[in-house]
Amino acid sequence: MAEPTVTVITPVYNLLENNMADSFNLLVQLLDMQTYPNIEHLIIDNSSTDGTIEFLKDYKNQEYLTFYSERDTGKFSAYNKGIMHAKGKYITFLSCDDFIHDITAIYDIVNLMEANDSDFTFAPAYCRHPEGFVFLFKPAMHTAFLVMPCARQAMFFRKSMLVKENYFDEKFKYLADFDLIMRIIMKGYRPAYFDTNYVTYKFATKAMENEDKFIAETKAIYNKNLRTLYNFNDDTLTRMAKYSEVPKELLDKLVKYFPESDSEIFYDNCEQLHQLRVQAMRTKEAADAALDEQRKEEL
């Protein structure tokens, strides 16, 4: 039986101007080293103006990838275009500065998905923080209704599922992947855990730099997906978005989306996350207050 095609989708914009050529080359070369034979690498370029198109043509001529160049409205718009063009049965999404460091990973993941008839996989991943250190992001799928439960770069998706669920919701500019994961869990799609760290990705800073927009999108995602389960008011949505503080009545409904044997783990993980976020917010508020006091003294 022939191995199904895997499509890797990468959005890019002005690679040369943003000094991303070396990172992109690493991504491409490591994909070329994969032991799995049927990999399609789609590049979705946002009409670059710095020579990136000519740069990509060289890779295309060497049959490393296929690219499309036209204006899009953001990362998730590019992902959706890639899904539409993808020939693969399975799809994964990597940015131009991410890379798969395990050369057998795609082969092993496809075998896992085929053997279990899985709709999506999730796995641990190395994250490169802007401050220069690397940490391991371990997935916690039981917190998927509260935060992004794993690295999107460490997930594979069945294309037919993405199409059936109408792709990423492009009105969410920061958290459309969080929205998608919430939707596919609620629809009962079959996950599989790949217990190997195979990918390294760069920590996204946009959400940190736009906290108000991040909180607003989180609230909108909760309201979109959970409003039939709970009668929200704005204060409840805000506390969920900021502190992962979920009303017990709603938790008792969300737990039913996981196996009954996982109930205790679900409640424990949600409470632990809530406490961590409360402590993190207190620390941030104390730091902000100290900074404000320092500025007053300087004046």
C-alpha atoms as a PDB file:
ATOM      1  CA  MET A   1       0.000   0.000   0.000  1.00  0.00           C
ATOM      2  CA  ALA A   2       1.348   3.432  -0.955  1.00  0.00           C
ATOM      3  CA  GLU A   3       2.145   5.831   1.854  1.00  0.00           C
ATOM      4  CA  PRO A   4      -0.295   8.792   2.035  1.00  0.00           C
ATOM      5  CA  THR A   5       1.071  12.221   1.215  1.00  0.00           C
ATOM      6  CA  VAL A   6       1.856  14.620   4.075  1.00  0.00           C
ATOM      7  CA  THR A   7       1.609  18.352   3.378  1.00  0.00           C
ATOM      8  CA  VAL A   8       3.703  20.827   5.363  1.00  0.00           C
ATOM      9  CA  ILE A   9       2.329  24.373   5.112  1.00  0.00           C
ATOM     10  CA  THR A  10       4.602  27.370   5.764  1.00  0.00           C
ATOM     11  CA  PRO A  11       3.513  31.022   5.492  1.00  0.00           C
ATOM     12  CA  VAL A  12       6.254  33.531   4.629  1.00  0.00           C
ATOM     13  CA  TYR A  13       6.693  37.244   4.034  1.00  0.00           C
ATOM     14  CA  ASN A  14       9.868  39.121   3.060  1.00  0.00           C
ATOM     15  CA  LEU A  15      12.265  36.400   4.207  1.00  0.00           C
ATOM     16  CA  LEU A  16      15.348  38.293   3.042  1.00  0.00           C
ATOM     17  CA  GLU A  17      14.434  41.645   4.565  1.00  0.00           C
ATOM     18  CA  ASN A  18      13.641  39.937   7.891  1.00  0.00           C
ATOM     19  CA  ASN A  19      16.885  37.934   7.896  1.00  0.00           C
ATOM     20  CA  MET A  20      15.002  34.628   7.820  1.00  0.00           C
ATOM     21  CA  ALA A  21      16.762  33.006   4.852  1.00  0.00           C
ATOM     22  CA  ASP A  22      19.070  30.838   6.980  1.00  0.00           C
ATOM     23  CA  SER A  23      16.216  29.686   9.228  1.00  0.00           C
ATOM     24  CA  PHE A  24      14.103  28.870   6.189  1.00  0.00           C
ATOM     25  CA  ASN A  25      16.971  26.921   4.648  1.00  0.00           C
ATOM     26  CA  LEU A  26      17.281  24.844   7.845  1.00  0.00           C
ATOM     27  CA  LEU A  27      13.550  24.066   7.752  1.00  0.00           C
ATOM     28  CA  VAL A  28      13.728  22.967   4.107  1.00  0.00           C
ATOM     29  CA  GLN A  29      16.914  20.931   4.421  1.00  0.00           C
ATOM     30  CA  LEU A  30      15.694  19.032   7.480  1.00  0.00           C
ATOM     31  CA  LEU A  31      12.410  18.231   5.736  1.00  0.00           C
ATOM     32  CA  ASP A  32      14.435  16.891   2.826  1.00  0.00           C
ATOM     33  CA  MET A  33      16.247  14.574   5.263  1.00  0.00           C
ATOM     34  CA  GLN A  34      13.009  12.984   6.512  1.00  0.00           C
ATOM     35  CA  THR A  35      12.842   9.236   5.996  1.00  0.00           C
ATOM     36  CA  TYR A  36       9.197   9.484   4.928  1.00  0.00           C
ATOM     37  CA  PRO A  37       9.016   9.532   1.098  1.00  0.00           C
ATOM     38  CA  ASN A  38       5.795  11.449   0.351  1.00  0.00           C
ATOM     39  CA  ILE A  39       6.128  14.994   1.679  1.00  0.00           C
ATOM     40  CA  GLU A  40       4.697  18.051  -0.040  1.00  0.00           C
ATOM     41  CA  HIS A  41       5.995  21.398   1.240  1.00  0.00           C
ATOM     42  CA  LEU A  42       3.670  24.297   0.397  1.00  0.00           C
ATOM     43  CA  ILE A  43       4.878  27.862   0.881  1.00  0.00           C
ATOM     44  CA  ILE A  44       2.197  30.556   1.080  1.00  0.00           C
ATOM     45  CA  ASP A  45       3.877  33.884   0.423  1.00  0.00           C
ATOM     46  CA  ASN A  46       2.127  37.136   1.307  1.00  0.00           C
ATOM     47  CA  SER A  47       3.250  38.980  -1.878  1.00  0.00           C
ATOM     48  CA  SER A  48       6.795  39.611  -0.678  1.00  0.00           C
ATOM     49  CA  THR A  49       8.600  42.594  -2.186  1.00  0.00           C
ATOM     50  CA  ASP A  50      12.224  41.980  -1.178  1.00  0.00           C
ATOM     51  CA  GLY A  51      13.385  39.234  -3.547  1.00  0.00           C
ATOM     52  CA  THR A  52      11.761  36.398  -1.591  1.00  0.00           C
ATOM     53  CA  ILE A  53       9.825  35.231  -4.665  1.00  0.00           C
ATOM     54  CA  GLU A  54      13.052  34.782  -6.657  1.00  0.00           C
ATOM     55  CA  PHE A  55      14.577  33.074  -3.604  1.00  0.00           C
ATOM     56  CA  LEU A  56      11.643  30.632  -3.486  1.00  0.00           C
ATOM     57  CA  LYS A  57      11.832  29.970  -7.225  1.00  0.00           C
ATOM     58  CA  ASP A  58      15.302  28.521  -6.739  1.00  0.00           C
ATOM     59  CA  TYR A  59      13.977  26.034  -4.163  1.00  0.00           C
ATOM     60  CA  LYS A  60      11.033  25.221  -6.444  1.00  0.00           C
ATOM     61  CA  ASN A  61      13.362  24.544  -9.378  1.00  0.00           C
ATOM     62  CA  GLN A  62      15.236  22.072  -7.178  1.00  0.00           C
ATOM     63  CA  GLU A  63      11.885  20.404  -6.384  1.00  0.00           C
ATOM     64  CA  TYR A  64      12.086  21.118  -2.667  1.00  0.00           C
ATOM     65  CA  LEU A  65       8.727  22.900  -2.525  1.00  0.00           C
ATOM     66  CA  THR A  66       5.778  24.536  -4.239  1.00  0.00           C
ATOM     67  CA  PHE A  67       4.845  28.126  -3.508  1.00  0.00           C
ATOM     68  CA  TYR A  68       1.959  30.516  -4.083  1.00  0.00           C
ATOM     69  CA  SER A  69       2.331  34.267  -3.784  1.00  0.00           C
ATOM     70  CA  GLU A  70      -0.636  36.554  -3.221  1.00  0.00           C
ATOM     71  CA  ARG A  71      -1.896  38.893  -0.525  1.00  0.00           C
ATOM     72  CA  ASP A  72      -3.430  37.348   2.566  1.00  0.00           C
ATOM     73  CA  THR A  73      -4.871  38.758   5.776  1.00  0.00           C
ATOM     74  CA  GLY A  74      -2.625  36.983   8.258  1.00  0.00           C
ATOM     75  CA  LYS A  75      -1.148  33.667   9.301  1.00  0.00           C
ATOM     76  CA  PHE A  76      -4.424  31.777   9.501  1.00  0.00           C
ATOM     77  CA  SER A  77      -5.544  33.092   6.128  1.00  0.00           C
ATOM     78  CA  ALA A  78      -2.306  31.655   4.719  1.00  0.00           C
ATOM     79  CA  TYR A  79      -2.933  28.339   6.470  1.00  0.00           C
ATOM     80  CA  ASN A  80      -6.411  28.117   4.970  1.00  0.00           C
ATOM     81  CA  LYS A  81      -5.065  28.793   1.490  1.00  0.00           C
ATOM     82  CA  GLY A  82      -2.501  26.068   2.054  1.00  0.00           C
ATOM     83  CA  ILE A  83      -5.180  23.593   3.140  1.00  0.00           C
ATOM     84  CA  MET A  84      -7.136  24.308  -0.045  1.00  0.00           C
ATOM     85  CA  HIS A  85      -4.063  23.613  -2.202  1.00  0.00           C
ATOM     86  CA  ALA A  86      -2.793  20.648  -0.157  1.00  0.00           C
ATOM     87  CA  LYS A  87      -2.615  17.229  -1.785  1.00  0.00           C
ATOM     88  CA  GLY A  88      -1.836  15.485   1.490  1.00  0.00           C
ATOM     89  CA  LYS A  89      -4.093  13.245   3.530  1.00  0.00           C
ATOM     90  CA  TYR A  90      -2.386  14.744   6.585  1.00  0.00           C
ATOM     91  CA  ILE A  91      -1.296  18.337   7.191  1.00  0.00           C
ATOM     92  CA  THR A  92       1.057  20.048   9.606  1.00  0.00           C
ATOM     93  CA  PHE A  93       1.892  23.754   9.956  1.00  0.00           C
ATOM     94  CA  LEU A  94       5.424  25.106  10.423  1.00  0.00           C
ATOM     95  CA  SER A  95       6.589  28.711  10.402  1.00  0.00           C
ATOM     96  CA  CYS A  96       9.748  29.656   8.532  1.00  0.00           C
ATOM     97  CA  ASP A  97      11.806  29.595  11.753  1.00  0.00           C
ATOM     98  CA  ASP A  98      10.498  26.224  12.993  1.00  0.00           C
ATOM     99  CA  PHE A  99      12.064  22.873  12.114  1.00  0.00           C
ATOM    100  CA  ILE A 100      11.585  19.133  12.600  1.00  0.00           C
ATOM    101  CA  HIS A 101      14.775  17.860  14.223  1.00  0.00           C
ATOM    102  CA  ASP A 102      13.848  14.143  14.264  1.00  0.00           C
ATOM    103  CA  ILE A 103      14.307  12.779  10.744  1.00  0.00           C
ATOM    104  CA  THR A 104      12.058   9.739  11.334  1.00  0.00           C
ATOM    105  CA  ALA A 105       9.202  11.738  12.909  1.00  0.00           C
ATOM    106  CA  ILE A 106       6.888  12.081   9.906  1.00  0.00           C
ATOM    107  CA  TYR A 107       7.220   8.377   9.091  1.00  0.00           C
ATOM    108  CA  ASP A 108       6.371   7.450  12.690  1.00  0.00           C
ATOM    109  CA  ILE A 109       3.470   9.915  12.965  1.00  0.00           C
ATOM    110  CA  VAL A 110       1.845   8.712   9.756  1.00  0.00           C
ATOM    111  CA  ASN A 111       2.141   5.116  10.938  1.00  0.00           C
ATOM    112  CA  LEU A 112       0.520   6.109  14.240  1.00  0.00           C
ATOM    113  CA  MET A 113      -2.349   7.919  12.538  1.00  0.00           C
ATOM    114  CA  GLU A 114      -2.951   5.133  10.044  1.00  0.00           C
ATOM    115  CA  ALA A 115      -2.864   2.417  12.713  1.00  0.00           C
ATOM    116  CA  ASN A 116      -5.307   4.268  14.983  1.00  0.00           C
ATOM    117  CA  ASP A 117      -7.439   5.931  12.285  1.00  0.00           C
ATOM    118  CA  SER A 118      -6.613   9.215  14.045  1.00  0.00           C
ATOM    119  CA  ASP A 119      -7.901  12.634  13.060  1.00  0.00           C
ATOM    120  CA  PHE A 120      -5.124  14.574  14.749  1.00  0.00           C
ATOM    121  CA  THR A 121      -1.971  14.057  16.803  1.00  0.00           C
ATOM    122  CA  PHE A 122      -0.235  16.084  19.486  1.00  0.00           C
ATOM    123  CA  ALA A 123       3.255  15.834  20.956  1.00  0.00           C
ATOM    124  CA  PRO A 124       5.809  17.601  23.165  1.00  0.00           C
ATOM    125  CA  ALA A 125       7.999  20.239  21.529  1.00  0.00           C
ATOM    126  CA  TYR A 126      11.030  22.393  22.186  1.00  0.00           C
ATOM    127  CA  CYS A 127      10.219  26.119  22.357  1.00  0.00           C
ATOM    128  CA  ARG A 128      12.874  28.782  21.764  1.00  0.00           C
ATOM    129  CA  HIS A 129      12.097  31.755  23.983  1.00  0.00           C
ATOM    130  CA  PRO A 130      12.977  35.307  22.804  1.00  0.00           C
ATOM    131  CA  GLU A 131      15.210  35.710  25.880  1.00  0.00           C
ATOM    132  CA  GLY A 132      17.507  32.997  24.565  1.00  0.00           C
ATOM    133  CA  PHE A 133      16.590  29.862  26.482  1.00  0.00           C
ATOM    134  CA  VAL A 134      14.810  26.707  25.313  1.00  0.00           C
ATOM    135  CA  PHE A 135      12.114  24.855  27.240  1.00  0.00           C
ATOM    136  CA  LEU A 136      10.040  21.735  26.678  1.00  0.00           C
ATOM    137  CA  PHE A 137       6.334  22.378  26.094  1.00  0.00           C
ATOM    138  CA  LYS A 138       4.583  19.241  27.306  1.00  0.00           C
ATOM    139  CA  PRO A 139       1.021  18.870  25.996  1.00  0.00           C
ATOM    140  CA  ALA A 140      -1.863  18.959  28.468  1.00  0.00           C
ATOM    141  CA  MET A 141      -4.944  18.155  26.414  1.00  0.00           C
ATOM    142  CA  HIS A 142      -7.196  18.202  29.491  1.00  0.00           C
ATOM    143  CA  THR A 143      -6.725  22.007  29.620  1.00  0.00           C
ATOM    144  CA  ALA A 144      -7.784  22.461  25.984  1.00  0.00           C
ATOM    145  CA  PHE A 145     -10.871  24.475  26.982  1.00  0.00           C
ATOM    146  CA  LEU A 146      -8.741  26.936  28.975  1.00  0.00           C
ATOM    147  CA  VAL A 147      -5.529  27.532  27.042  1.00  0.00           C
ATOM    148  CA  MET A 148      -3.717  26.265  23.978  1.00  0.00           C
ATOM    149  CA  PRO A 149      -2.977  22.719  25.225  1.00  0.00           C
ATOM    150  CA  CYS A 150       0.038  21.992  23.054  1.00  0.00           C
ATOM    151  CA  ALA A 151       2.241  23.546  20.407  1.00  0.00           C
ATOM    152  CA  ARG A 152       0.403  23.849  17.091  1.00  0.00           C
ATOM    153  CA  GLN A 153       3.710  23.013  15.388  1.00  0.00           C
ATOM    154  CA  ALA A 154       3.652  19.627  17.173  1.00  0.00           C
ATOM    155  CA  MET A 155       0.308  18.603  15.689  1.00  0.00           C
ATOM    156  CA  PHE A 156      -0.738  16.757  12.536  1.00  0.00           C
ATOM    157  CA  PHE A 157      -4.285  17.021  11.192  1.00  0.00           C
ATOM    158  CA  ARG A 158      -6.329  14.942   8.777  1.00  0.00           C
ATOM    159  CA  LYS A 159      -7.129  17.259   5.858  1.00  0.00           C
ATOM    160  CA  SER A 160     -10.684  15.997   5.497  1.00  0.00           C
ATOM    161  CA  MET A 161     -11.375  17.000   9.107  1.00  0.00           C
ATOM    162  CA  LEU A 162     -10.051  20.530   8.553  1.00  0.00           C
ATOM    163  CA  VAL A 163     -12.220  20.919   5.465  1.00  0.00           C
ATOM    164  CA  LYS A 164     -15.313  19.489   7.149  1.00  0.00           C
ATOM    165  CA  GLU A 165     -14.885  21.878  10.088  1.00  0.00           C
ATOM    166  CA  ASN A 166     -14.525  24.856   7.744  1.00  0.00           C
ATOM    167  CA  TYR A 167     -10.818  25.508   8.271  1.00  0.00           C
ATOM    168  CA  PHE A 168      -9.399  28.037  10.746  1.00  0.00           C
ATOM    169  CA  ASP A 169     -11.752  30.841  11.740  1.00  0.00           C
ATOM    170  CA  GLU A 170      -9.945  33.842  10.258  1.00  0.00           C
ATOM    171  CA  LYS A 171     -11.694  36.402  12.415  1.00  0.00           C
ATOM    172  CA  PHE A 172      -9.299  35.288  15.164  1.00  0.00           C
ATOM    173  CA  LYS A 173      -5.887  36.752  14.317  1.00  0.00           C
ATOM    174  CA  TYR A 174      -3.986  35.306  17.309  1.00  0.00           C
ATOM    175  CA  LEU A 175      -5.892  32.262  18.563  1.00  0.00           C
ATOM    176  CA  ALA A 176      -7.613  30.580  15.634  1.00  0.00           C
ATOM    177  CA  ASP A 177      -5.666  27.395  16.441  1.00  0.00           C
ATOM    178  CA  PHE A 178      -7.044  27.427  20.015  1.00  0.00           C
ATOM    179  CA  ASP A 179     -10.535  27.806  18.564  1.00  0.00           C
ATOM    180  CA  LEU A 180      -9.960  24.925  16.137  1.00  0.00           C
ATOM    181  CA  ILE A 181      -8.718  22.535  18.828  1.00  0.00           C
ATOM    182  CA  MET A 182     -11.706  23.358  21.020  1.00  0.00           C
ATOM    183  CA  ARG A 183     -14.069  22.660  18.128  1.00  0.00           C
ATOM    184  CA  ILE A 184     -12.563  19.319  17.132  1.00  0.00           C
ATOM    185  CA  ILE A 185     -12.562  18.076  20.725  1.00  0.00           C
ATOM    186  CA  MET A 186     -16.230  18.989  21.105  1.00  0.00           C
ATOM    187  CA  LYS A 187     -17.022  17.215  17.822  1.00  0.00           C
ATOM    188  CA  GLY A 188     -15.446  13.997  19.093  1.00  0.00           C
ATOM    189  CA  TYR A 189     -12.622  13.650  16.561  1.00  0.00           C
ATOM    190  CA  ARG A 190     -10.039  10.986  17.381  1.00  0.00           C
ATOM    191  CA  PRO A 191      -6.717  12.178  18.835  1.00  0.00           C
ATOM    192  CA  ALA A 192      -3.459  10.265  19.151  1.00  0.00           C
ATOM    193  CA  TYR A 193      -0.572  11.191  21.417  1.00  0.00           C
ATOM    194  CA  PHE A 194       2.864  10.944  19.795  1.00  0.00           C
ATOM    195  CA  ASP A 195       5.197  10.523  22.748  1.00  0.00           C
ATOM    196  CA  THR A 196       8.313  11.962  21.099  1.00  0.00           C
ATOM    197  CA  ASN A 197       9.714  15.484  20.970  1.00  0.00           C
ATOM    198  CA  TYR A 198      10.377  15.963  17.267  1.00  0.00           C
ATOM    199  CA  VAL A 199       9.947  19.676  16.520  1.00  0.00           C
ATOM    200  CA  THR A 200      11.516  22.968  17.631  1.00  0.00           C
ATOM    201  CA  TYR A 201       9.564  26.201  17.286  1.00  0.00           C
ATOM    202  CA  LYS A 202       9.972  29.859  18.161  1.00  0.00           C
ATOM    203  CA  PHE A 203       7.839  31.396  20.906  1.00  0.00           C
ATOM    204  CA  ALA A 204       5.277  33.823  19.479  1.00  0.00           C
ATOM    205  CA  THR A 205       5.563  37.293  20.987  1.00  0.00           C
ATOM    206  CA  LYS A 206       2.584  38.998  19.322  1.00  0.00           C
ATOM    207  CA  ALA A 207       0.116  37.777  21.936  1.00  0.00           C
ATOM    208  CA  MET A 208       2.389  39.024  24.730  1.00  0.00           C
ATOM    209  CA  GLU A 209       2.662  42.422  23.059  1.00  0.00           C
ATOM    210  CA  ASN A 210      -1.111  42.710  22.534  1.00  0.00           C
ATOM    211  CA  GLU A 211      -2.558  41.434  25.800  1.00  0.00           C
ATOM    212  CA  ASP A 212      -5.885  43.260  25.457  1.00  0.00           C
ATOM    213  CA  LYS A 213      -6.520  41.791  21.991  1.00  0.00           C
ATOM    214  CA  PHE A 214      -5.430  38.373  23.246  1.00  0.00           C
ATOM    215  CA  ILE A 215      -7.938  38.516  26.108  1.00  0.00           C
ATOM    216  CA  ALA A 216     -10.690  39.792  23.793  1.00  0.00           C
ATOM    217  CA  GLU A 217     -10.151  36.924  21.344  1.00  0.00           C
ATOM    218  CA  THR A 218     -10.105  34.372  24.158  1.00  0.00           C
ATOM    219  CA  LYS A 219     -13.448  35.671  25.439  1.00  0.00           C
ATOM    220  CA  ALA A 220     -14.913  35.577  21.933  1.00  0.00           C
ATOM    221  CA  ILE A 221     -13.778  31.965  21.455  1.00  0.00           C
ATOM    222  CA  TYR A 222     -15.358  30.907  24.754  1.00  0.00           C
ATOM    223  CA  ASN A 223     -18.591  32.642  23.850  1.00  0.00           C
ATOM    224  CA  LYS A 224     -18.615  31.146  20.350  1.00  0.00           C
ATOM    225  CA  ASN A 225     -18.027  27.547  21.393  1.00  0.00           C
ATOM    226  CA  LEU A 226     -19.416  27.251  24.931  1.00  0.00           C
ATOM    227  CA  ARG A 227     -22.426  29.566  25.046  1.00  0.00           C
ATOM    228  CA  THR A 228     -24.844  26.652  24.604  1.00  0.00           C
ATOM    229  CA  LEU A 229     -23.387  25.087  27.754  1.00  0.00           C
ATOM    230  CA  TYR A 230     -23.402  28.128  30.042  1.00  0.00           C
ATOM    231  CA  ASN A 231     -25.108  31.506  30.302  1.00  0.00           C
ATOM    232  CA  PHE A 232     -22.068  33.808  30.248  1.00  0.00           C
ATOM    233  CA  ASN A 233     -21.770  37.385  31.427  1.00  0.00           C
ATOM    234  CA  ASP A 234     -18.770  39.580  30.643  1.00  0.00           C
ATOM    235  CA  ASP A 235     -17.217  39.211  34.093  1.00  0.00           C
ATOM    236  CA  THR A 236     -17.262  35.406  33.856  1.00  0.00           C
ATOM    237  CA  LEU A 237     -15.706  35.512  30.386  1.00  0.00           C
ATOM    238  CA  THR A 238     -13.013  37.931  31.575  1.00  0.00           C
ATOM    239  CA  ARG A 239     -12.083  35.780  34.566  1.00  0.00           C
ATOM    240  CA  MET A 240     -11.922  32.708  32.361  1.00  0.00           C
ATOM    241  CA  ALA A 241      -9.689  34.488  29.858  1.00  0.00           C
ATOM    242  CA  LYS A 242      -7.360  36.036  32.444  1.00  0.00           C
ATOM    243  CA  TYR A 243      -7.265  33.445  35.201  1.00  0.00           C
ATOM    244  CA  SER A 244      -8.694  30.205  33.739  1.00  0.00           C
ATOM    245  CA  GLU A 245     -11.390  30.526  36.415  1.00  0.00           C
ATOM    246  CA  VAL A 246     -14.215  28.347  35.137  1.00  0.00           C
ATOM    247  CA  PRO A 247     -17.577  28.008  36.925  1.00  0.00           C
ATOM    248  CA  LYS A 248     -18.027  24.540  38.410  1.00  0.00           C
ATOM    249  CA  GLU A 249     -21.287  24.098  36.488  1.00  0.00           C
ATOM    250  CA  LEU A 250     -19.414  24.573  33.211  1.00  0.00           C
ATOM    251  CA  LEU A 251     -16.499  22.354  34.243  1.00  0.00           C
ATOM    252  CA  ASP A 252     -18.971  19.574  34.989  1.00  0.00           C
ATOM    253  CA  LYS A 253     -20.153  19.791  31.374  1.00  0.00           C
ATOM    254  CA  LEU A 254     -16.699  20.100  29.788  1.00  0.00           C
ATOM    255  CA  VAL A 255     -15.351  17.027  31.575  1.00  0.00           C
ATOM    256  CA  LYS A 256     -17.758  14.912  29.533  1.00  0.00           C
ATOM    257  CA  TYR A 257     -15.698  15.548  26.389  1.00  0.00           C
ATOM    258  CA  PHE A 258     -12.952  13.349  27.844  1.00  0.00           C
ATOM    259  CA  PRO A 259     -13.002   9.665  28.836  1.00  0.00           C
ATOM    260  CA  GLU A 260     -14.708   9.057  32.186  1.00  0.00           C
ATOM    261  CA  SER A 261     -11.471   7.588  33.526  1.00  0.00           C
ATOM    262  CA  ASP A 262      -9.796  10.997  33.005  1.00  0.00           C
ATOM    263  CA  SER A 263     -12.264  12.969  35.154  1.00  0.00           C
ATOM    264  CA  GLU A 264      -9.960  13.374  38.151  1.00  0.00           C
ATOM    265  CA  ILE A 265      -7.056  14.385  35.916  1.00  0.00           C
ATOM    266  CA  PHE A 266      -9.278  16.921  34.157  1.00  0.00           C
ATOM    267  CA  TYR A 267     -10.383  18.643  37.379  1.00  0.00           C
ATOM    268  CA  ASP A 268      -6.866  18.578  38.854  1.00  0.00           C
ATOM    269  CA  ASN A 269      -5.262  20.021  35.715  1.00  0.00           C
ATOM    270  CA  CYS A 270      -7.858  22.801  35.449  1.00  0.00           C
ATOM    271  CA  GLU A 271      -7.369  23.784  39.093  1.00  0.00           C
ATOM    272  CA  GLN A 272      -3.581  23.723  38.799  1.00  0.00           C
ATOM    273  CA  LEU A 273      -3.713  25.909  35.707  1.00  0.00           C
ATOM    274  CA  HIS A 274      -6.063  28.342  37.455  1.00  0.00           C
ATOM    275  CA  GLN A 275      -3.698  28.673  40.422  1.00  0.00           C
ATOM    276  CA  LEU A 276      -0.674  29.160  38.159  1.00  0.00           C
ATOM    277  CA  ARG A 277      -2.398  31.910  36.196  1.00  0.00           C
ATOM    278  CA  VAL A 278      -3.593  33.678  39.353  1.00  0.00           C
ATOM    279  CA  GLN A 279      -0.047  33.667  40.690  1.00  0.00           C
ATOM    280  CA  ALA A 280       1.370  34.854  37.371  1.00  0.00           C
ATOM    281  CA  MET A 281      -1.142  37.719  37.240  1.00  0.00           C
ATOM    282  CA  ARG A 282      -0.330  38.753  40.801  1.00  0.00           C
ATOM    283  CA  THR A 283       3.373  38.752  40.002  1.00  0.00           C
ATOM    284  CA  LYS A 284       2.771  40.857  36.895  1.00  0.00           C
ATOM    285  CA  GLU A 285       0.565  43.319  38.768  1.00  0.00           C
ATOM    286  CA  ALA A 286       3.189  43.686  41.505  1.00  0.00           C
ATOM    287  CA  ALA A 287       5.911  44.292  38.929  1.00  0.00           C
ATOM    288  CA  ASP A 288       3.761  46.877  37.112  1.00  0.00           C
ATOM    289  CA  ALA A 289       2.999  48.651  40.398  1.00  0.00           C
ATOM    290  CA  ALA A 290       6.700  48.754  41.317  1.00  0.00           C
ATOM    291  CA  LEU A 291       7.537  50.179  37.899  1.00  0.00           C
ATOM    292  CA  ASP A 292       4.852  52.856  38.236  1.00  0.00           C
ATOM    293  CA  GLU A 293       6.187  53.807  41.673  1.00  0.00           C
ATOM    294  CA  GLN A 294       9.704  54.053  40.305  1.00  0.00           C
ATOM    295  CA  ARG A 295       8.539  56.350  37.505  1.00  0.00           C
ATOM    296  CA  LYS A 296       6.749  58.598  40.013  1.00  0.00           C
ATOM    297  CA  GLU A 297       9.924  58.906  42.056  1.00  0.00           C
ATOM    298  CA  GLU A 298      11.944  59.762  38.949  1.00  0.00           C
ATOM    299  CA  LEU A 299       9.492  62.553  38.173  1.00  0.00           C
END
